[in-house]
Amino acid sequence: AAGALAALAAERLAAGQELLEPLPLYLRRPDA
């Protein structure tokens, strides 16, 4: 749920932690 994602991000940013770059984490090649 995006609400949990946002709350976690807000918590980490308030603590001065760096978040990830907005790059995809695929772990494997695409299906197509």
PDB file of all heavy atoms in Angstrom:
ATOM      1  N   ALA A   1       0.853  -1.181   0.000  1.00  0.00           N
ATOM      2  CA  ALA A   1       0.000   0.000   0.000  1.00  0.00           C
ATOM      3  C   ALA A   1       0.891   1.233   0.000  1.00  0.00           C
ATOM      4  O   ALA A   1       1.863   1.310   0.753  1.00  0.00           O
ATOM      5  CB  ALA A   1      -0.911   0.014   1.229  1.00  0.00           C
ATOM      6  N   ALA A   2       0.564   2.199  -0.863  1.00  0.00           N
ATOM      7  CA  ALA A   2       1.385   3.396  -0.980  1.00  0.00           C
ATOM      8  C   ALA A   2       1.440   4.188   0.312  1.00  0.00           C
ATOM      9  O   ALA A   2       2.419   4.889   0.585  1.00  0.00           O
ATOM     10  CB  ALA A   2       0.862   4.281  -2.111  1.00  0.00           C
ATOM     11  N   GLY A   3       0.397   4.088   1.142  1.00  0.00           N
ATOM     12  CA  GLY A   3       0.405   4.784   2.417  1.00  0.00           C
ATOM     13  C   GLY A   3       1.556   4.327   3.302  1.00  0.00           C
ATOM     14  O   GLY A   3       2.226   5.151   3.938  1.00  0.00           O
ATOM     15  N   ALA A   4       1.799   3.024   3.355  1.00  0.00           N
ATOM     16  CA  ALA A   4       2.911   2.495   4.141  1.00  0.00           C
ATOM     17  C   ALA A   4       4.243   2.902   3.534  1.00  0.00           C
ATOM     18  O   ALA A   4       5.199   3.235   4.241  1.00  0.00           O
ATOM     19  CB  ALA A   4       2.811   0.971   4.232  1.00  0.00           C
ATOM     20  N   LEU A   5       4.319   2.876   2.206  1.00  0.00           N
ATOM     21  CA  LEU A   5       5.536   3.283   1.508  1.00  0.00           C
ATOM     22  C   LEU A   5       5.856   4.743   1.823  1.00  0.00           C
ATOM     23  O   LEU A   5       7.004   5.098   2.117  1.00  0.00           O
ATOM     24  CB  LEU A   5       5.335   3.096   0.001  1.00  0.00           C
ATOM     25  CG  LEU A   5       6.564   2.879  -0.876  1.00  0.00           C
ATOM     26  CD1 LEU A   5       7.154   1.496  -0.627  1.00  0.00           C
ATOM     27  CD2 LEU A   5       6.192   3.013  -2.341  1.00  0.00           C
ATOM     28  N   ALA A   6       4.842   5.597   1.784  1.00  0.00           N
ATOM     29  CA  ALA A   6       5.036   7.025   2.052  1.00  0.00           C
ATOM     30  C   ALA A   6       5.435   7.258   3.506  1.00  0.00           C
ATOM     31  O   ALA A   6       6.317   8.082   3.793  1.00  0.00           O
ATOM     32  CB  ALA A   6       3.755   7.795   1.726  1.00  0.00           C
ATOM     33  N   ALA A   7       4.796   6.544   4.423  1.00  0.00           N
ATOM     34  CA  ALA A   7       5.108   6.714   5.843  1.00  0.00           C
ATOM     35  C   ALA A   7       6.537   6.297   6.141  1.00  0.00           C
ATOM     36  O   ALA A   7       7.254   6.976   6.906  1.00  0.00           O
ATOM     37  CB  ALA A   7       4.123   5.906   6.693  1.00  0.00           C
ATOM     38  N   LEU A   8       6.988   5.196   5.544  1.00  0.00           N
ATOM     39  CA  LEU A   8       8.358   4.743   5.742  1.00  0.00           C
ATOM     40  C   LEU A   8       9.348   5.743   5.148  1.00  0.00           C
ATOM     41  O   LEU A   8      10.373   6.066   5.768  1.00  0.00           O
ATOM     42  CB  LEU A   8       8.553   3.361   5.116  1.00  0.00           C
ATOM     43  CG  LEU A   8       9.967   2.782   5.181  1.00  0.00           C
ATOM     44  CD1 LEU A   8      10.446   2.657   6.622  1.00  0.00           C
ATOM     45  CD2 LEU A   8      10.010   1.418   4.476  1.00  0.00           C
ATOM     46  N   ALA A   9       9.039   6.251   3.959  1.00  0.00           N
ATOM     47  CA  ALA A   9       9.912   7.238   3.330  1.00  0.00           C
ATOM     48  C   ALA A   9      10.003   8.505   4.170  1.00  0.00           C
ATOM     49  O   ALA A   9      11.095   9.056   4.379  1.00  0.00           O
ATOM     50  CB  ALA A   9       9.401   7.568   1.934  1.00  0.00           C
ATOM     51  N   ALA A  10       8.866   8.973   4.676  1.00  0.00           N
ATOM     52  CA  ALA A  10       8.856  10.179   5.503  1.00  0.00           C
ATOM     53  C   ALA A  10       9.685   9.983   6.767  1.00  0.00           C
ATOM     54  O   ALA A  10      10.423  10.878   7.193  1.00  0.00           O
ATOM     55  CB  ALA A  10       7.420  10.550   5.855  1.00  0.00           C
ATOM     56  N   GLU A  11       9.581   8.796   7.341  1.00  0.00           N
ATOM     57  CA  GLU A  11      10.330   8.487   8.562  1.00  0.00           C
ATOM     58  C   GLU A  11      11.836   8.506   8.289  1.00  0.00           C
ATOM     59  O   GLU A  11      12.621   9.077   9.060  1.00  0.00           O
ATOM     60  CB  GLU A  11       9.892   7.117   9.077  1.00  0.00           C
ATOM     61  CG  GLU A  11      10.507   6.708  10.393  1.00  0.00           C
ATOM     62  CD  GLU A  11       9.971   5.365  10.866  1.00  0.00           C
ATOM     63  OE1 GLU A  11       8.778   5.284  11.196  1.00  0.00           O
ATOM     64  OE2 GLU A  11      10.753   4.394  10.903  1.00  0.00           O
ATOM     65  N   ARG A  12      12.240   7.882   7.185  1.00  0.00           N
ATOM     66  CA  ARG A  12      13.660   7.819   6.858  1.00  0.00           C
ATOM     67  C   ARG A  12      14.214   9.187   6.473  1.00  0.00           C
ATOM     68  O   ARG A  12      15.331   9.548   6.857  1.00  0.00           O
ATOM     69  CB  ARG A  12      13.886   6.813   5.726  1.00  0.00           C
ATOM     70  CG  ARG A  12      13.691   5.365   6.174  1.00  0.00           C
ATOM     71  CD  ARG A  12      13.928   4.367   5.058  1.00  0.00           C
ATOM     72  NE  ARG A  12      13.850   3.005   5.557  1.00  0.00           N
ATOM     73  CZ  ARG A  12      13.952   1.921   4.788  1.00  0.00           C
ATOM     74  NH1 ARG A  12      14.125   2.049   3.472  1.00  0.00           N
ATOM     75  NH2 ARG A  12      13.881   0.710   5.329  1.00  0.00           N
ATOM     76  N   LEU A  13      13.447   9.951   5.724  1.00  0.00           N
ATOM     77  CA  LEU A  13      13.899  11.293   5.340  1.00  0.00           C
ATOM     78  C   LEU A  13      14.026  12.193   6.566  1.00  0.00           C
ATOM     79  O   LEU A  13      14.977  12.975   6.683  1.00  0.00           O
ATOM     80  CB  LEU A  13      12.935  11.900   4.324  1.00  0.00           C
ATOM     81  CG  LEU A  13      12.960  11.279   2.931  1.00  0.00           C
ATOM     82  CD1 LEU A  13      11.807  11.804   2.085  1.00  0.00           C
ATOM     83  CD2 LEU A  13      14.292  11.551   2.231  1.00  0.00           C
ATOM     84  N   ALA A  14      13.091  12.100   7.496  1.00  0.00           N
ATOM     85  CA  ALA A  14      13.147  12.905   8.715  1.00  0.00           C
ATOM     86  C   ALA A  14      14.362  12.549   9.564  1.00  0.00           C
ATOM     87  O   ALA A  14      14.899  13.404  10.286  1.00  0.00           O
ATOM     88  CB  ALA A  14      11.868  12.711   9.527  1.00  0.00           C
ATOM     89  N   ALA A  15      14.815  11.299   9.456  1.00  0.00           N
ATOM     90  CA  ALA A  15      15.986  10.851  10.203  1.00  0.00           C
ATOM     91  C   ALA A  15      17.285  11.152   9.458  1.00  0.00           C
ATOM     92  O   ALA A  15      18.377  10.790   9.930  1.00  0.00           O
ATOM     93  CB  ALA A  15      15.887   9.356  10.479  1.00  0.00           C
ATOM     94  N   GLY A  16      17.171  11.788   8.287  1.00  0.00           N
ATOM     95  CA  GLY A  16      18.352  12.144   7.518  1.00  0.00           C
ATOM     96  C   GLY A  16      18.929  11.010   6.691  1.00  0.00           C
ATOM     97  O   GLY A  16      20.064  11.101   6.209  1.00  0.00           O
ATOM     98  N   GLN A  17      18.166   9.941   6.523  1.00  0.00           N
ATOM     99  CA  GLN A  17      18.652   8.808   5.731  1.00  0.00           C
ATOM    100  C   GLN A  17      18.432   9.060   4.246  1.00  0.00           C
ATOM    101  O   GLN A  17      17.461   9.687   3.849  1.00  0.00           O
ATOM    102  CB  GLN A  17      17.916   7.530   6.149  1.00  0.00           C
ATOM    103  CG  GLN A  17      18.119   7.148   7.600  1.00  0.00           C
ATOM    104  CD  GLN A  17      17.339   5.903   7.979  1.00  0.00           C
ATOM    105  OE1 GLN A  17      17.087   5.030   7.138  1.00  0.00           O
ATOM    106  NE2 GLN A  17      16.936   5.805   9.228  1.00  0.00           N
ATOM    107  N   GLU A  18      19.333   8.542   3.442  1.00  0.00           N
ATOM    108  CA  GLU A  18      19.188   8.645   1.995  1.00  0.00           C
ATOM    109  C   GLU A  18      18.315   7.506   1.478  1.00  0.00           C
ATOM    110  O   GLU A  18      18.466   6.360   1.896  1.00  0.00           O
ATOM    111  CB  GLU A  18      20.551   8.601   1.306  1.00  0.00           C
ATOM    112  CG  GLU A  18      21.407   9.839   1.526  1.00  0.00           C
ATOM    113  CD  GLU A  18      22.636   9.835   0.642  1.00  0.00           C
ATOM    114  OE1 GLU A  18      22.714   8.977  -0.262  1.00  0.00           O
ATOM    115  OE2 GLU A  18      23.507  10.688   0.859  1.00  0.00           O
ATOM    116  N   LEU A  19      17.413   7.832   0.564  1.00  0.00           N
ATOM    117  CA  LEU A  19      16.598   6.802  -0.067  1.00  0.00           C
ATOM    118  C   LEU A  19      17.264   6.370  -1.374  1.00  0.00           C
ATOM    119  O   LEU A  19      18.290   6.902  -1.781  1.00  0.00           O
ATOM    120  CB  LEU A  19      15.185   7.332  -0.315  1.00  0.00           C
ATOM    121  CG  LEU A  19      14.422   7.775   0.940  1.00  0.00           C
ATOM    122  CD1 LEU A  19      12.980   8.121   0.583  1.00  0.00           C
ATOM    123  CD2 LEU A  19      14.451   6.706   2.015  1.00  0.00           C
ATOM    124  N   LEU A  20      16.658   5.390  -2.034  1.00  0.00           N
ATOM    125  CA  LEU A  20      17.237   4.848  -3.257  1.00  0.00           C
ATOM    126  C   LEU A  20      17.030   5.781  -4.441  1.00  0.00           C
ATOM    127  O   LEU A  20      16.122   6.619  -4.444  1.00  0.00           O
ATOM    128  CB  LEU A  20      16.597   3.491  -3.574  1.00  0.00           C
ATOM    129  CG  LEU A  20      16.725   2.396  -2.512  1.00  0.00           C
ATOM    130  CD1 LEU A  20      15.914   1.176  -2.945  1.00  0.00           C
ATOM    131  CD2 LEU A  20      18.185   2.023  -2.303  1.00  0.00           C
ATOM    132  N   GLU A  21      17.866   5.606  -5.442  1.00  0.00           N
ATOM    133  CA  GLU A  21      17.600   6.255  -6.722  1.00  0.00           C
ATOM    134  C   GLU A  21      16.345   5.617  -7.323  1.00  0.00           C
ATOM    135  O   GLU A  21      16.097   4.417  -7.132  1.00  0.00           O
ATOM    136  CB  GLU A  21      18.784   6.071  -7.677  1.00  0.00           C
ATOM    137  CG  GLU A  21      20.042   6.814  -7.259  1.00  0.00           C
ATOM    138  CD  GLU A  21      19.845   8.314  -7.345  1.00  0.00           C
ATOM    139  OE1 GLU A  21      19.205   8.784  -8.304  1.00  0.00           O
ATOM    140  OE2 GLU A  21      20.321   9.015  -6.433  1.00  0.00           O
ATOM    141  N   PRO A  22      15.534   6.379  -8.059  1.00  0.00           N
ATOM    142  CA  PRO A  22      14.306   5.811  -8.639  1.00  0.00           C
ATOM    143  C   PRO A  22      14.604   4.982  -9.887  1.00  0.00           C
ATOM    144  O   PRO A  22      14.187   5.299 -10.995  1.00  0.00           O
ATOM    145  CB  PRO A  22      13.479   7.062  -8.966  1.00  0.00           C
ATOM    146  CG  PRO A  22      14.503   8.112  -9.256  1.00  0.00           C
ATOM    147  CD  PRO A  22      15.651   7.845  -8.315  1.00  0.00           C
ATOM    148  N   LEU A  23      15.316   3.892  -9.686  1.00  0.00           N
ATOM    149  CA  LEU A  23      15.714   3.000 -10.777  1.00  0.00           C
ATOM    150  C   LEU A  23      15.124   1.614 -10.527  1.00  0.00           C
ATOM    151  O   LEU A  23      15.054   1.157  -9.385  1.00  0.00           O
ATOM    152  CB  LEU A  23      17.235   2.907 -10.868  1.00  0.00           C
ATOM    153  CG  LEU A  23      17.969   4.230 -11.112  1.00  0.00           C
ATOM    154  CD1 LEU A  23      19.480   4.027 -11.035  1.00  0.00           C
ATOM    155  CD2 LEU A  23      17.580   4.806 -12.474  1.00  0.00           C
ATOM    156  N   PRO A  24      14.707   0.925 -11.576  1.00  0.00           N
ATOM    157  CA  PRO A  24      14.001  -0.351 -11.401  1.00  0.00           C
ATOM    158  C   PRO A  24      14.888  -1.467 -10.870  1.00  0.00           C
ATOM    159  O   PRO A  24      16.033  -1.625 -11.275  1.00  0.00           O
ATOM    160  CB  PRO A  24      13.504  -0.670 -12.820  1.00  0.00           C
ATOM    161  CG  PRO A  24      14.474   0.038 -13.720  1.00  0.00           C
ATOM    162  CD  PRO A  24      14.835   1.303 -12.998  1.00  0.00           C
ATOM    163  N   LEU A  25      14.335  -2.232  -9.955  1.00  0.00           N
ATOM    164  CA  LEU A  25      14.997  -3.414  -9.424  1.00  0.00           C
ATOM    165  C   LEU A  25      14.300  -4.627 -10.047  1.00  0.00           C
ATOM    166  O   LEU A  25      13.283  -5.103  -9.542  1.00  0.00           O
ATOM    167  CB  LEU A  25      14.867  -3.430  -7.896  1.00  0.00           C
ATOM    168  CG  LEU A  25      15.605  -4.513  -7.112  1.00  0.00           C
ATOM    169  CD1 LEU A  25      17.105  -4.435  -7.355  1.00  0.00           C
ATOM    170  CD2 LEU A  25      15.306  -4.376  -5.622  1.00  0.00           C
ATOM    171  N   TYR A  26      14.852  -5.098 -11.161  1.00  0.00           N
ATOM    172  CA  TYR A  26      14.196  -6.177 -11.914  1.00  0.00           C
ATOM    173  C   TYR A  26      14.582  -7.567 -11.402  1.00  0.00           C
ATOM    174  O   TYR A  26      13.763  -8.468 -11.315  1.00  0.00           O
ATOM    175  CB  TYR A  26      14.558  -6.094 -13.395  1.00  0.00           C
ATOM    176  CG  TYR A  26      13.974  -4.907 -14.119  1.00  0.00           C
ATOM    177  CD1 TYR A  26      14.774  -4.101 -14.927  1.00  0.00           C
ATOM    178  CD2 TYR A  26      12.626  -4.599 -14.020  1.00  0.00           C
ATOM    179  CE1 TYR A  26      14.243  -3.015 -15.612  1.00  0.00           C
ATOM    180  CE2 TYR A  26      12.082  -3.512 -14.685  1.00  0.00           C
ATOM    181  CZ  TYR A  26      12.905  -2.722 -15.488  1.00  0.00           C
ATOM    182  OH  TYR A  26      12.377  -1.647 -16.166  1.00  0.00           O
ATOM    183  N   LEU A  27      15.842  -7.801 -11.124  1.00  0.00           N
ATOM    184  CA  LEU A  27      16.422  -9.065 -10.674  1.00  0.00           C
ATOM    185  C   LEU A  27      16.503 -10.137 -11.759  1.00  0.00           C
ATOM    186  O   LEU A  27      17.167 -11.145 -11.575  1.00  0.00           O
ATOM    187  CB  LEU A  27      15.676  -9.637  -9.459  1.00  0.00           C
ATOM    188  CG  LEU A  27      15.659  -8.767  -8.197  1.00  0.00           C
ATOM    189  CD1 LEU A  27      15.043  -9.555  -7.037  1.00  0.00           C
ATOM    190  CD2 LEU A  27      17.036  -8.269  -7.827  1.00  0.00           C
ATOM    191  N   ARG A  28      15.820  -9.935 -12.870  1.00  0.00           N
ATOM    192  CA  ARG A  28      15.935 -10.890 -13.977  1.00  0.00           C
ATOM    193  C   ARG A  28      15.486 -10.213 -15.254  1.00  0.00           C
ATOM    194  O   ARG A  28      14.980  -9.104 -15.249  1.00  0.00           O
ATOM    195  CB  ARG A  28      15.108 -12.150 -13.710  1.00  0.00           C
ATOM    196  CG  ARG A  28      13.617 -11.913 -13.746  1.00  0.00           C
ATOM    197  CD  ARG A  28      12.844 -13.185 -13.444  1.00  0.00           C
ATOM    198  NE  ARG A  28      11.415 -12.963 -13.611  1.00  0.00           N
ATOM    199  CZ  ARG A  28      10.484 -13.695 -13.029  1.00  0.00           C
ATOM    200  NH1 ARG A  28      10.825 -14.698 -12.241  1.00  0.00           N
ATOM    201  NH2 ARG A  28       9.206 -13.436 -13.243  1.00  0.00           N
ATOM    202  N   ARG A  29      15.674 -10.907 -16.383  1.00  0.00           N
ATOM    203  CA  ARG A  29      15.326 -10.347 -17.683  1.00  0.00           C
ATOM    204  C   ARG A  29      13.802 -10.270 -17.846  1.00  0.00           C
ATOM    205  O   ARG A  29      13.066 -11.003 -17.192  1.00  0.00           O
ATOM    206  CB  ARG A  29      15.913 -11.204 -18.817  1.00  0.00           C
ATOM    207  CG  ARG A  29      17.439 -11.218 -18.819  1.00  0.00           C
ATOM    208  CD  ARG A  29      17.968 -12.109 -19.925  1.00  0.00           C
ATOM    209  NE  ARG A  29      17.569 -11.593 -21.232  1.00  0.00           N
ATOM    210  CZ  ARG A  29      18.223 -10.627 -21.875  1.00  0.00           C
ATOM    211  NH1 ARG A  29      19.280 -10.064 -21.322  1.00  0.00           N
ATOM    212  NH2 ARG A  29      17.824 -10.220 -23.057  1.00  0.00           N
ATOM    213  N   PRO A  30      13.309  -9.355 -18.709  1.00  0.00           N
ATOM    214  CA  PRO A  30      11.858  -9.247 -18.911  1.00  0.00           C
ATOM    215  C   PRO A  30      11.250 -10.516 -19.491  1.00  0.00           C
ATOM    216  O   PRO A  30      11.922 -11.305 -20.152  1.00  0.00           O
ATOM    217  CB  PRO A  30      11.712  -8.081 -19.887  1.00  0.00           C
ATOM    218  CG  PRO A  30      13.066  -7.710 -20.337  1.00  0.00           C
ATOM    219  CD  PRO A  30      14.061  -8.380 -19.475  1.00  0.00           C
ATOM    220  N   ASP A  31       9.943 -10.708 -19.210  1.00  0.00           N
ATOM    221  CA  ASP A  31       9.233 -11.876 -19.755  1.00  0.00           C
ATOM    222  C   ASP A  31       9.180 -11.834 -21.276  1.00  0.00           C
ATOM    223  O   ASP A  31       9.282 -12.856 -21.936  1.00  0.00           O
ATOM    224  CB  ASP A  31       7.798 -11.924 -19.195  1.00  0.00           C
ATOM    225  CG  ASP A  31       7.780 -12.228 -17.705  1.00  0.00           C
ATOM    226  OD1 ASP A  31       8.729 -12.886 -17.231  1.00  0.00           O
ATOM    227  OD2 ASP A  31       6.836 -11.807 -17.031  1.00  0.00           O
ATOM    228  N   ALA A  32       8.962 -10.645 -21.839  1.00  0.00           N
ATOM    229  CA  ALA A  32       8.868 -10.502 -23.291  1.00  0.00           C
ATOM    230  C   ALA A  32      10.261 -10.329 -23.881  1.00  0.00           C
ATOM    231  O   ALA A  32      10.995  -9.425 -23.506  1.00  0.00           O
ATOM    232  CB  ALA A  32       8.008  -9.294 -23.642  1.00  0.00           C
TER     233      ALA A  32
END
